[in-house]
Protein backbone atom coordinates (compact mmCIF):
# COMPACT_ATOMS: atom_id res chain seq x y z
CA MET A 1 4.53 34.54 -27.59
CA GLY A 2 7.82 33.08 -28.84
CA LEU A 3 9.10 32.74 -25.28
CA ASN A 4 5.86 31.05 -24.20
CA ARG A 5 6.06 28.56 -27.07
CA HIS A 6 9.61 27.59 -26.04
CA ARG A 7 8.45 27.13 -22.46
CA LEU A 8 5.59 24.86 -23.50
CA ALA A 9 7.88 22.84 -25.73
CA ALA A 10 10.34 22.43 -22.88
CA ALA A 11 7.56 21.43 -20.50
CA SER A 12 6.21 18.88 -22.99
CA VAL A 13 9.65 17.37 -23.58
CA GLY A 14 10.26 17.24 -19.80
CA ALA A 15 6.95 15.51 -19.18
CA GLY A 16 7.71 13.01 -21.93
CA LEU A 17 11.12 12.23 -20.46
CA VAL A 18 9.62 11.77 -16.99
CA MET A 19 7.07 9.28 -18.32
CA VAL A 20 9.75 7.36 -20.25
CA LEU A 21 11.93 7.17 -17.15
CA VAL A 22 9.00 6.07 -14.93
CA ILE A 23 7.92 3.35 -17.34
CA SER A 24 11.49 2.18 -17.84
CA ALA A 25 12.14 2.03 -14.11
CA CYS A 26 8.94 0.11 -13.48
CA SER A 27 9.47 -2.36 -16.30
CA GLY A 28 12.84 -3.50 -14.99
CA PRO A 29 15.09 -6.02 -16.69
CA SER A 30 13.34 -8.89 -18.42
CA THR A 31 14.37 -12.50 -18.29
CA ASN A 32 13.38 -15.46 -20.39
CA SER A 33 14.88 -17.97 -18.03
CA GLY A 34 12.57 -20.37 -16.29
CA PRO A 35 11.85 -23.99 -15.66
CA PRO A 36 11.76 -26.38 -18.59
CA PRO A 37 8.38 -26.86 -20.24
CA SER A 38 6.05 -28.85 -18.01
CA VAL A 39 4.76 -32.19 -19.17
CA GLY A 40 1.60 -31.59 -17.20
CA TRP A 41 0.23 -29.97 -14.06
CA VAL A 42 1.01 -31.72 -10.80
CA ASP A 43 -1.62 -31.84 -8.08
CA SER A 44 0.56 -32.52 -5.08
CA GLY A 45 2.06 -30.79 -2.10
CA SER A 46 0.56 -30.32 1.35
CA TRP A 47 -0.54 -26.85 0.29
CA TYR A 48 -2.84 -28.43 -2.30
CA VAL A 49 -5.28 -29.53 0.39
CA ARG A 50 -5.95 -25.90 1.37
CA GLU A 51 -5.59 -24.17 -2.01
CA PRO A 52 -6.34 -26.31 -5.09
CA TRP A 53 -3.65 -24.90 -7.35
CA ALA A 54 -1.58 -27.30 -9.38
CA HIS A 55 2.11 -26.51 -9.87
CA ASP A 56 4.24 -27.00 -12.98
CA GLY A 57 6.11 -30.02 -11.66
CA PHE A 58 9.50 -28.37 -11.11
CA PRO A 59 9.86 -27.49 -7.41
CA PHE A 60 13.09 -26.02 -6.07
CA GLU A 61 14.36 -27.49 -2.81
CA SER A 62 16.50 -25.78 -0.19
CA ARG A 63 17.59 -27.06 3.23
CA ARG A 64 14.21 -26.61 4.93
CA PHE A 65 11.81 -25.54 2.16
CA VAL A 66 10.36 -26.78 -1.13
CA VAL A 67 9.28 -23.97 -3.49
CA TYR A 68 6.44 -24.81 -5.88
CA SER A 69 5.07 -22.42 -8.51
CA ASP A 70 2.81 -22.09 -11.51
CA SER A 71 5.35 -20.32 -13.74
CA ALA A 72 8.06 -18.58 -11.71
CA SER A 73 11.56 -18.57 -13.16
CA VAL A 74 14.29 -20.73 -11.69
CA GLU A 75 16.02 -17.59 -10.44
CA ALA A 76 12.82 -16.43 -8.72
CA ARG A 77 12.40 -19.81 -6.99
CA MET A 78 16.00 -19.72 -5.81
CA GLU A 79 15.61 -16.13 -4.58
CA LEU A 80 12.44 -17.02 -2.71
CA ALA A 81 14.09 -20.07 -1.15
CA GLU A 82 17.00 -17.94 0.08
CA THR A 83 14.56 -15.39 1.50
CA VAL A 84 12.41 -17.88 3.41
CA GLU A 85 15.49 -19.63 4.82
CA ARG A 86 16.88 -16.32 6.10
CA VAL A 87 13.56 -15.04 7.42
CA TRP A 88 12.86 -18.37 9.13
CA ASP A 89 16.13 -18.06 11.07
CA GLU A 90 15.19 -14.49 12.05
CA ILE A 91 11.85 -15.67 13.42
CA LEU A 92 13.37 -18.53 15.41
CA THR A 93 15.83 -16.08 16.97
CA GLU A 94 13.39 -13.23 17.66
CA MET A 95 10.74 -15.50 19.17
CA SER A 96 13.27 -17.74 20.97
CA ILE A 97 11.83 -20.84 19.32
CA ASN A 98 13.52 -24.18 19.90
CA PRO A 99 13.42 -25.95 16.49
CA ASP A 100 12.94 -29.27 18.28
CA LEU A 101 9.48 -28.07 19.37
CA LEU A 102 8.28 -27.50 15.81
CA ALA A 103 5.96 -30.23 14.57
CA MET A 104 5.49 -31.14 10.90
CA PRO A 105 2.53 -32.67 9.08
CA PRO A 106 2.74 -36.47 8.72
CA GLY A 107 5.01 -37.51 5.86
CA GLN A 108 6.42 -34.01 5.41
CA ASN A 109 10.00 -33.16 6.36
CA LYS A 110 10.24 -29.73 4.74
CA LEU A 111 8.00 -26.69 4.69
CA ASP A 112 6.16 -26.00 1.44
CA VAL A 113 6.06 -22.64 -0.32
CA TYR A 114 3.76 -21.97 -3.26
CA ALA A 115 4.83 -18.92 -5.31
CA PHE A 116 2.09 -17.70 -7.63
CA LYS A 117 3.10 -15.61 -10.64
CA ASP A 118 0.24 -15.65 -13.16
CA ARG A 119 -2.64 -15.78 -10.71
CA SER A 120 -4.08 -12.66 -9.08
CA PRO A 121 -5.81 -13.50 -5.79
CA ASP A 122 -7.36 -10.78 -3.65
CA TRP A 123 -4.90 -11.44 -0.82
CA ALA A 124 -1.12 -11.13 -0.47
CA GLY A 125 -0.36 -14.38 1.33
CA LYS A 126 -1.74 -17.34 3.25
CA ALA A 127 -0.28 -19.72 5.80
CA TYR A 128 -1.30 -23.08 7.19
CA TYR A 129 0.21 -26.04 9.02
CA GLY A 130 3.30 -26.94 7.01
CA GLY A 131 3.51 -24.18 4.42
CA LEU A 132 2.54 -20.85 2.93
CA ILE A 133 1.39 -19.25 -0.32
CA VAL A 134 2.90 -15.94 -1.46
CA SER A 135 3.63 -14.00 -4.62
CA SER A 136 6.61 -14.97 -6.74
CA PRO A 137 9.44 -12.38 -6.73
CA ASP A 138 9.20 -12.09 -10.53
CA ARG A 139 5.46 -11.42 -10.56
CA ARG A 140 4.36 -8.15 -12.15
CA ILE A 141 1.23 -6.11 -11.61
CA LEU A 142 -0.68 -3.21 -13.22
CA PHE A 143 -0.83 -4.46 -16.79
CA ASP A 144 2.52 -6.21 -16.34
CA LEU A 145 4.32 -2.85 -15.95
CA ILE A 146 5.25 -2.87 -12.27
CA PRO A 147 7.37 -5.53 -10.54
CA ILE A 148 6.12 -6.77 -7.21
CA ASP A 149 7.29 -4.69 -4.25
CA SER A 150 10.23 -6.68 -2.84
CA GLU A 151 10.11 -5.00 0.59
CA GLY A 152 6.39 -5.60 0.91
CA LEU A 153 6.81 -9.19 -0.25
CA GLU A 154 9.41 -9.88 2.43
CA SER A 155 7.12 -8.42 5.11
CA THR A 156 4.32 -10.67 3.89
CA ILE A 157 6.64 -13.69 3.87
CA LYS A 158 7.73 -12.98 7.45
CA HIS A 159 4.14 -12.47 8.60
CA GLU A 160 3.03 -15.76 7.07
CA LEU A 161 6.09 -17.65 8.34
CA VAL A 162 5.28 -16.49 11.88
CA HIS A 163 1.91 -18.16 11.37
CA VAL A 164 3.62 -21.30 10.07
CA ALA A 165 5.88 -21.38 13.14
CA SER A 166 2.89 -20.75 15.43
CA GLU A 167 0.91 -23.56 13.80
CA SER A 168 3.89 -25.91 14.22
CA LEU A 169 4.14 -25.01 17.90
CA LEU A 170 0.39 -25.52 18.40
CA HIS A 171 0.64 -28.99 16.81
CA SER A 172 3.63 -29.97 18.96
CA GLY A 173 1.48 -31.14 21.86
CA GLY A 174 0.12 -34.12 19.97
CA LEU A 175 -3.52 -33.15 20.47
CA ASP A 176 -6.04 -34.62 18.04
CA GLU A 177 -7.27 -31.15 17.09
CA PRO A 178 -5.06 -28.03 17.07
CA PRO A 179 -5.94 -25.80 20.03
CA TRP A 180 -7.60 -22.41 19.56
CA VAL A 181 -5.78 -19.08 19.92
CA SER A 182 -7.68 -15.79 19.70
CA VAL A 183 -7.25 -14.19 16.30
CA TRP A 184 -6.18 -10.79 17.66
CA PHE A 185 -3.19 -12.40 19.39
CA PHE A 186 -2.39 -14.78 16.53
CA GLU A 187 -2.42 -12.00 13.90
CA GLY A 188 -0.95 -9.39 16.22
CA VAL A 189 2.17 -11.45 16.94
CA ALA A 190 2.71 -11.96 13.20
CA GLU A 191 2.32 -8.21 12.60
CA VAL A 192 4.73 -7.30 15.40
CA VAL A 193 7.45 -9.72 14.32
CA SER A 194 7.08 -8.84 10.61
CA ARG A 195 6.97 -5.07 11.39
CA GLY A 196 3.54 -4.88 9.81
CA THR A 197 1.79 -5.78 6.56
CA GLY A 198 -1.48 -3.85 7.00
CA SER A 199 -2.05 -0.10 6.89
CA GLY A 200 0.91 0.87 9.05
CA ALA A 201 1.72 0.93 12.73
CA ILE A 202 -0.26 3.15 15.08
CA THR A 203 2.54 5.30 16.50
CA GLY A 204 0.62 8.25 17.89
CA GLN A 205 -2.60 9.39 19.47
CA ASP A 206 -3.59 11.27 16.34
CA HIS A 207 -3.59 8.12 14.20
CA PHE A 208 -5.43 6.18 16.90
CA ASP A 209 -8.10 8.89 17.17
CA TYR A 210 -8.40 9.04 13.38
CA LEU A 211 -9.15 5.30 13.21
CA THR A 212 -11.64 5.27 16.09
CA SER A 213 -13.44 8.32 14.71
CA ASN A 214 -13.86 6.59 11.34
CA TYR A 215 -14.62 3.05 12.48
CA GLY A 216 -15.77 3.42 16.07
CA HIS A 217 -14.19 2.01 19.21
CA LEU A 218 -13.98 -1.59 18.00
CA ASN A 219 -11.98 -3.38 20.66
CA PRO A 220 -9.41 -5.68 18.98
CA VAL A 221 -9.09 -7.86 22.10
CA SER A 222 -12.78 -8.71 21.89
CA TYR A 223 -12.38 -10.64 18.62
CA GLN A 224 -11.64 -14.32 19.11
CA SER A 225 -12.08 -15.07 15.40
CA ASP A 226 -12.53 -13.27 12.10
CA GLU A 227 -16.23 -14.02 12.07
CA GLY A 228 -18.46 -11.02 12.63
CA ILE A 229 -15.76 -8.42 11.88
CA GLU A 230 -17.35 -4.98 12.12
CA GLY A 231 -16.56 -1.64 10.50
CA GLY A 232 -17.29 -2.19 6.82
CA ALA A 233 -15.39 -3.47 3.80
CA ASN A 234 -12.13 -1.60 4.43
CA ALA A 235 -12.03 -2.04 8.20
CA TYR A 236 -10.20 -5.38 8.19
CA ILE A 237 -7.00 -3.97 6.71
CA GLU A 238 -7.27 -0.30 7.68
CA TYR A 239 -8.48 -0.76 11.27
CA HIS A 240 -8.30 -4.31 12.62
CA TYR A 241 -4.78 -5.20 11.47
CA PRO A 242 -3.16 -2.05 12.92
CA MET A 243 -5.22 -2.41 16.10
CA ARG A 244 -4.22 -6.05 16.57
CA ARG A 245 -0.60 -5.09 16.09
CA LEU A 246 -0.98 -2.30 18.63
CA ALA A 247 -2.66 -4.63 21.14
CA VAL A 248 0.21 -7.12 20.93
CA GLU A 249 2.93 -4.44 20.85
CA TYR A 250 1.68 -3.18 24.19
CA LEU A 251 2.21 -6.61 25.73
CA PHE A 252 5.91 -6.71 24.82
CA ASP A 253 6.84 -3.00 24.88
CA ASP A 254 8.77 -1.72 27.90
CA ALA A 255 6.25 1.15 28.03
CA GLY A 256 3.43 -1.41 28.23
CA TYR A 257 3.37 -4.72 30.11
CA ASP A 258 7.08 -5.23 29.26
CA VAL A 259 6.79 -8.99 28.70
CA PRO A 260 9.61 -10.66 26.67
CA LEU A 261 8.57 -11.78 23.19
CA SER A 262 9.74 -15.27 24.14
CA GLU A 263 6.63 -15.47 26.34
CA ALA A 264 4.49 -15.51 23.18
CA THR A 265 6.29 -18.71 22.18
CA ALA A 266 5.89 -20.15 25.67
CA LEU A 267 2.19 -19.26 25.59
CA LEU A 268 1.71 -21.19 22.34
CA VAL A 269 3.55 -24.20 23.76
CA ASP A 270 1.35 -24.09 26.87
CA VAL A 271 -1.77 -24.07 24.70
CA ALA A 272 -0.38 -26.95 22.62
CA ARG A 273 -0.09 -29.01 25.79
CA GLY A 274 -3.70 -28.49 26.77
CA THR A 275 -3.86 -25.17 28.65
CA SER A 276 -6.64 -22.86 27.48
CA PHE A 277 -5.62 -19.65 25.74
CA ASP A 278 -7.14 -17.49 28.50
CA ASP A 279 -5.27 -19.36 31.24
CA ALA A 280 -1.99 -19.37 29.33
CA PHE A 281 -2.37 -15.65 28.59
CA ALA A 282 -2.98 -14.80 32.25
CA ASP A 283 0.00 -16.90 33.32
CA ARG A 284 2.46 -15.56 30.75
CA ILE A 285 1.32 -11.92 30.47
CA GLY A 286 0.25 -11.35 34.07
CA VAL A 287 -3.24 -10.05 33.30
CA THR A 288 -6.38 -11.81 32.16
CA VAL A 289 -7.76 -11.37 28.64
CA ALA A 290 -10.96 -9.94 30.11
CA GLU A 291 -9.04 -7.34 32.11
CA TYR A 292 -6.97 -6.35 29.09
CA GLU A 293 -10.09 -6.03 26.95
CA ASN A 294 -11.85 -3.84 29.51
CA GLN A 295 -8.84 -1.58 29.98
CA PHE A 296 -7.63 -1.50 26.37
CA PHE A 297 -8.73 2.00 25.32
CA ASP A 298 -7.73 3.57 28.63
CA LEU A 299 -4.30 1.92 28.41
CA MET A 300 -3.81 3.17 24.85
CA GLU A 301 -4.60 6.74 25.88
CA ASP A 302 -1.61 6.64 28.23
CA TYR A 303 0.61 4.48 26.03
CA LEU A 304 0.51 6.27 22.70
CA PRO A 305 2.93 9.20 22.48
CA GLU A 306 1.43 12.58 21.77
CA ARG A 307 2.37 13.83 18.35
CA SER A 308 1.62 17.00 16.49
CA VAL A 309 -1.42 16.51 14.33
CA PRO A 310 -0.34 16.19 10.69
CA ILE A 311 -1.58 18.74 8.23
CA VAL A 312 -4.74 17.22 6.81
CA LEU A 313 -6.34 19.73 4.52
CA ALA A 314 -10.11 19.45 4.40
CA PRO A 315 -11.62 19.41 0.90
CA ILE A 316 -13.32 22.80 1.38
CA SER A 317 -10.00 24.37 2.42
CA LEU A 318 -8.29 22.84 -0.60
CA ILE A 319 -11.00 24.10 -2.92
CA ILE A 320 -10.77 27.64 -1.54
CA LEU A 321 -6.97 27.61 -1.69
CA SER A 322 -6.72 26.17 -5.19
CA VAL A 323 -9.49 28.39 -6.61
CA SER A 324 -7.76 31.42 -5.09
CA LEU A 325 -4.41 30.50 -6.61
CA LEU A 326 -5.85 29.70 -10.02
CA GLY A 327 -8.05 32.81 -9.93
CA ALA A 328 -5.12 35.03 -8.96
CA ALA A 329 -3.00 33.64 -11.79
CA THR A 330 -5.81 34.10 -14.32
CA ALA A 331 -6.57 37.63 -13.12
CA ALA A 332 -2.88 38.52 -13.44
CA THR A 333 -2.88 37.21 -16.99
CA LEU A 334 -5.96 39.20 -17.99
CA TRP A 335 -4.61 42.36 -16.37
CA SER A 336 -1.29 41.87 -18.11
CA ASN A 337 -3.04 41.55 -21.46
CA ARG A 338 -5.07 44.70 -20.92
CA SER A 339 -2.06 46.69 -19.74
CA ALA A 340 0.27 45.53 -22.49
CA ALA A 341 0.44 47.05 -25.93
CA GLY A 342 -1.29 43.99 -27.30
CA VAL A 343 -1.15 43.05 -30.93
CA THR A 344 0.05 45.48 -33.54
CA ALA A 345 -2.34 47.43 -35.71
CA ALA A 346 -1.59 45.14 -38.64
CA GLU A 347 -2.35 42.09 -36.53
CA LYS A 348 -5.61 43.70 -35.40
CA SER A 349 -6.66 44.34 -38.97
CA THR A 350 -6.01 40.74 -40.01
CA ALA A 351 -7.23 39.03 -36.85
CA PRO A 352 -10.64 37.33 -37.23
CA VAL A 353 -13.52 39.01 -35.49
CA ARG A 354 -14.58 37.13 -32.38
CA SER A 355 -18.28 36.40 -32.21
CA ARG A 356 -20.15 36.49 -28.92
CA GLY A 357 -20.90 32.78 -29.31
CA ARG A 358 -17.24 31.86 -29.73
CA THR A 359 -16.33 33.98 -26.74
CA ILE A 360 -18.93 32.27 -24.55
CA GLY A 361 -17.87 28.87 -25.88
CA PHE A 362 -14.22 29.57 -25.11
CA ALA A 363 -15.12 30.74 -21.59
CA ALA A 364 -17.14 27.55 -21.02
CA TRP A 365 -14.26 25.42 -22.32
CA ILE A 366 -11.77 27.08 -19.97
CA THR A 367 -14.22 26.69 -17.07
CA VAL A 368 -14.63 22.95 -17.69
CA ILE A 369 -10.87 22.45 -17.93
CA SER A 370 -10.31 24.50 -14.78
CA LEU A 371 -12.87 22.44 -12.84
CA LEU A 372 -11.23 19.24 -14.04
CA GLY A 373 -7.82 20.48 -12.95
CA LEU A 374 -9.09 21.63 -9.57
CA GLY A 375 -10.94 18.35 -9.00
CA VAL A 376 -7.87 16.21 -9.65
CA PHE A 377 -5.74 18.46 -7.45
CA VAL A 378 -8.18 18.54 -4.51
CA ILE A 379 -8.89 14.79 -4.57
CA GLY A 380 -5.21 13.93 -4.97
CA ILE A 381 -3.89 16.17 -2.19
CA TYR A 382 -6.63 15.18 0.24
CA SER A 383 -6.25 11.45 -0.43
CA ILE A 384 -2.49 11.59 0.07
CA SER A 385 -2.68 13.73 3.20
CA VAL A 386 -5.04 11.33 5.02
CA SER A 387 -3.36 8.13 3.83
CA TRP A 388 -1.69 6.48 6.81
CA GLY A 389 -0.75 3.54 4.61
CA LEU A 390 1.72 5.57 2.55
CA SER A 391 5.25 5.92 3.85
CA GLY A 392 6.63 9.38 4.58
CA LEU A 393 8.54 9.30 1.31
CA GLY A 394 5.39 8.23 -0.49
CA GLN A 395 3.39 11.14 0.91
CA VAL A 396 6.11 13.69 0.10
CA SER A 397 6.47 12.29 -3.43
CA GLY A 398 2.71 12.31 -3.95
CA MET A 399 2.40 15.89 -2.75
CA ALA A 400 5.24 16.93 -5.05
CA VAL A 401 3.54 15.30 -8.03
CA MET A 402 0.22 16.99 -7.25
CA ILE A 403 1.77 20.43 -6.75
CA GLY A 404 3.70 20.05 -10.00
CA TYR A 405 0.49 19.09 -11.73
CA PHE A 406 -1.36 22.12 -10.36
CA VAL A 407 1.41 24.48 -11.45
CA GLY A 408 1.44 22.93 -14.92
CA ALA A 409 -2.35 23.06 -15.25
CA THR A 410 -2.43 26.71 -14.15
CA PHE A 411 0.29 27.55 -16.69
CA ALA A 412 -1.60 25.77 -19.48
CA ILE A 413 -4.89 27.53 -18.73
CA ASN A 414 -3.31 30.96 -18.56
CA TRP A 415 -1.35 30.39 -21.73
CA ALA A 416 -4.62 29.47 -23.43
CA ILE A 417 -6.13 32.78 -22.30
CA ARG A 418 -3.15 34.72 -23.61
CA SER A 419 -3.32 32.86 -26.91
CA ARG A 420 -7.03 33.66 -27.16
CA ASP A 421 -6.29 37.40 -26.99
CA THR A 422 -4.10 37.04 -30.08
CA ALA A 423 -6.72 34.92 -31.84
CA SER A 424 -4.46 31.85 -31.84
CA PRO A 425 -6.20 28.53 -32.54
CA ASN A 426 -3.91 26.99 -29.96
CA ALA A 427 -6.08 28.62 -27.31
CA TRP A 428 -8.54 25.75 -27.73
CA LEU A 429 -5.87 23.04 -27.86
CA ILE A 430 -3.52 24.09 -25.05
CA PRO A 431 -5.99 23.23 -22.23
CA LEU A 432 -5.89 19.63 -23.43
CA ALA A 433 -2.52 19.54 -21.70
CA THR A 434 -4.48 19.70 -18.45
CA ILE A 435 -6.44 16.59 -19.34
CA ILE A 436 -3.23 14.79 -20.29
CA GLY A 437 -1.70 16.05 -17.08
CA ALA A 438 -4.61 14.55 -15.14
CA ALA A 439 -3.98 11.15 -16.71
CA VAL A 440 -0.23 11.38 -16.05
CA THR A 441 -0.90 12.42 -12.46
CA ALA A 442 -3.27 9.49 -11.89
CA VAL A 443 -0.64 7.07 -13.21
CA ALA A 444 2.06 8.69 -11.08
CA ILE A 445 -0.06 8.37 -7.92
CA VAL A 446 -0.72 4.70 -8.65
CA LEU A 447 3.00 4.10 -9.15
CA ILE A 448 3.91 5.94 -5.94
CA THR A 449 1.34 3.94 -3.98
CA ALA A 450 2.49 0.64 -5.47
CA LEU A 451 6.23 1.21 -5.21
CA LEU A 452 6.48 3.06 -1.90
C-alpha cells in the first residue's frame, strides 16, 4: 500500500503541474498598453454602414489601411496593420491583380479594418466594399484564458481580404449596382487563396464520402446565393465551405480544368464590365456553369485521390474495447487480492466488519464511477476520430489525452478496490480522481480544439 500511495501522490502532482503549465501557456503575457482613454465613441468609418459598431476614436493608419477598434491595444492595431498590408500584397500577387483596377468607395482612399476585442459575434470575420471586420490579435476567449489563434486569424484575414479585392474589382466597371457572382465561386476563391477557414480541405475520397453520407449530395455549384442552404445547422461550415473550396480548386488544379488562378481575376473584371457571370465563367473556364454542375460529382470521383480510410472507431466498438480493458484490469486486481497473503491477522482482528449494505453501496459507487469514466473516454475518442476539422497534430494530441485519462481512471478505480479490501476509507474517495480527471480531460480537449 505504501508504494501505491507514492504512485498516487506522484500522479496527483504530475496532473497539477500539467494544469499549471496549460493555464500558464494559454494565459500568455499580459499588457496594459493601449490607446489613451476615449473622450467618446465615434460613429464613423465606411464599415459603420454595414455593422453599427462605434470605435474608440483612435484609429491606426498604415500605407493602405486604417485600423479601427473598440479596445485593442496600440500594439495589436500595429500588428494587425502589418498583417493586412502583407496579406494584401500576397493576394495581389497570387491572383495577378492590377492595383489600378481596384475601385474604392467614394471619399475613401484607404481600406478600413475594424478589430473587435470585447465583442463576441457568432462569426469570425466579415467583408464588404472597402473594408473588413475581424478579431483583434489581443482578443482572448474561453473566460479570457485563451488568446485568439494567430494562424486561424491570419487565414480569416486573408479570406476576407480576397472578398474585399473581389468587391473592388466588381465595382471597377462603374455600374450603378455591383454585378452578381454566384456564392459558391465567390466563397470558393476566398477559401482557395486563404488555404481554408472552414472545416478543412477535402483531400481524399474518404472525406468526400463522409460528408455526402452525412449531409446528402448537395451540389455546391447549384447555389447562387446563401438563401435556402440545405443540410441543417452545421452544414454551412462543415459541408458547404469545404465543398465550395473543392469546386473552385478543381477549376485551377492541374488535375482538374487546369485554369490559371489569374482567370478568376479576369472573370471578375469581365463581370464588372457587364458580362453575366455564366458567360464570363464559360469564356474563362472553358465549360458552362450548367455543365460543371451536372458533372460535379462524377468529376470529383475521378479527381479525389484514393486514401486509406482513417481509423474511425464506432461507439459500440469503443465500448466493448474499453469495458474489456477496464474489466481485465479489475479482474486482475481482485485475483491478486485473493491470491496474496492479504492483511495480517492483527489487521483482520482490528478491521471493521463490512456489512452487506456497505458492500453493495461500494459496488454501486464503483459502477457509477466506471460508467462515467467509460462514457467520457468513448465520447472523447469517437469525437476526435471523426473530426475532420482538427489538424493531424490536434487529433494525435487529443487521442493521447484521452488514452492518458483512461489509464489514470482505470488505475484510480483499481486502487479503490484494493483499498476496500484493507478497509481503507480512501476506497470511497479515490474514485473522485476519475471525476476530476473527466473535468481536466474536457478542459484539455477544449484547449486542443481551440489552439490547434
